[in-house]
Protein backbone atom coordinates (compact mmCIF):
# COMPACT_ATOMS: atom_id res chain seq x y z
CA LEU A 1 -111.09 65.50 24.83
CA ASP A 2 -113.37 64.66 21.91
CA THR A 3 -112.65 67.94 20.11
CA ALA A 4 -108.89 67.45 20.54
CA ARG A 5 -109.17 63.94 19.14
CA LEU A 6 -111.23 65.13 16.17
CA GLN A 7 -108.82 67.99 15.42
CA SER A 8 -105.75 65.74 15.46
CA TYR A 9 -107.37 63.02 13.32
CA LYS A 10 -105.75 62.64 9.91
CA ARG A 11 -108.02 61.09 7.33
CA GLY A 12 -106.38 58.65 4.93
CA SER A 13 -106.50 59.31 1.22
CA ARG A 14 -107.45 56.97 -1.60
CA LYS A 15 -105.12 55.95 -4.37
CA PRO A 16 -106.02 57.61 -7.66
CA VAL A 17 -107.93 55.51 -10.18
CA SER A 18 -105.54 54.05 -12.75
CA GLN A 19 -105.94 55.34 -16.29
CA PRO A 20 -106.50 53.45 -18.50
CA ALA A 21 -108.38 50.84 -16.51
CA PRO A 22 -106.72 47.41 -16.36
CA VAL A 23 -107.97 44.80 -18.82
CA TYR A 24 -109.07 41.33 -17.72
CA PRO A 25 -106.93 38.67 -19.45
CA GLN A 26 -109.92 36.77 -20.89
CA THR A 27 -112.80 38.06 -23.00
CA HIS A 28 -115.08 35.05 -22.35
CA LEU A 29 -115.93 33.63 -18.93
CA SER A 30 -117.52 30.20 -18.59
CA PHE A 31 -119.87 29.11 -15.82
CA LEU A 32 -116.77 28.14 -13.81
CA ALA A 33 -116.12 31.84 -13.12
CA ASN A 34 -119.29 31.75 -10.98
CA VAL A 35 -120.69 35.13 -12.07
CA TYR A 36 -124.18 35.04 -10.59
CA ASN A 37 -125.36 38.56 -9.74
CA GLN A 38 -125.57 41.83 -11.66
CA LYS A 39 -122.80 43.56 -9.68
CA ALA A 40 -120.31 40.82 -10.61
CA ARG A 41 -121.43 41.01 -14.24
CA GLU A 42 -120.91 44.81 -14.27
CA PHE A 43 -117.46 44.40 -12.72
CA TYR A 44 -116.27 42.05 -15.47
CA HIS A 45 -117.84 44.18 -18.22
CA ARG A 46 -116.01 47.23 -16.85
CA TYR A 47 -112.66 45.44 -17.27
CA GLY A 48 -113.20 44.18 -20.80
CA VAL A 49 -114.96 40.81 -20.59
CA GLN A 50 -117.51 40.65 -23.40
CA LEU A 51 -119.21 37.27 -22.98
CA ILE A 52 -120.16 35.98 -19.52
CA ASP A 53 -121.90 32.65 -19.04
CA ALA A 54 -124.28 32.38 -16.09
CA ALA A 55 -123.12 30.60 -12.94
CA TYR A 56 -124.09 26.97 -12.40
CA GLU A 57 -126.53 28.03 -9.68
CA ALA A 58 -128.60 29.88 -12.32
CA HIS A 59 -129.57 26.47 -13.80
CA GLU A 60 -128.83 27.53 -17.38
CA GLU A 61 -126.19 24.89 -18.19
CA LYS A 62 -127.54 21.94 -20.13
CA GLY A 63 -126.44 18.34 -19.65
CA GLU A 64 -123.50 17.03 -17.63
CA VAL A 65 -121.03 19.67 -16.44
CA PRO A 66 -118.09 19.41 -14.03
CA VAL A 67 -119.01 21.02 -10.72
CA MET A 68 -115.75 20.48 -8.87
CA ILE A 69 -112.21 20.14 -10.21
CA THR A 70 -109.52 18.90 -7.83
CA LYS A 71 -105.82 18.20 -8.19
CA HIS A 72 -106.08 14.77 -6.56
CA CYS A 73 -108.78 12.09 -6.66
CA LEU A 74 -110.94 12.49 -3.55
CA ARG A 75 -112.29 8.93 -3.74
CA PHE A 76 -108.74 7.58 -3.65
CA ALA A 77 -107.65 9.96 -0.87
CA PHE A 78 -110.52 9.11 1.50
CA ASN A 79 -110.67 5.31 0.96
């Protein structure tokens, strides 16, 4: 039964890699993009981003920075 199952199995195929690679719409990412690790940094470099600011968690931003941006005022909504 196992050999019959293995013989009838059809392996899916991957889509070909697009050439040329797509380009990210921005060339500079601020800390709001939340790029924290090296894999994320490599991903954005691969798609054309040249300047990437560290994520807020890296503690490299100086002074007051917005941490959360919402459409509606949370203080007003919950009071």
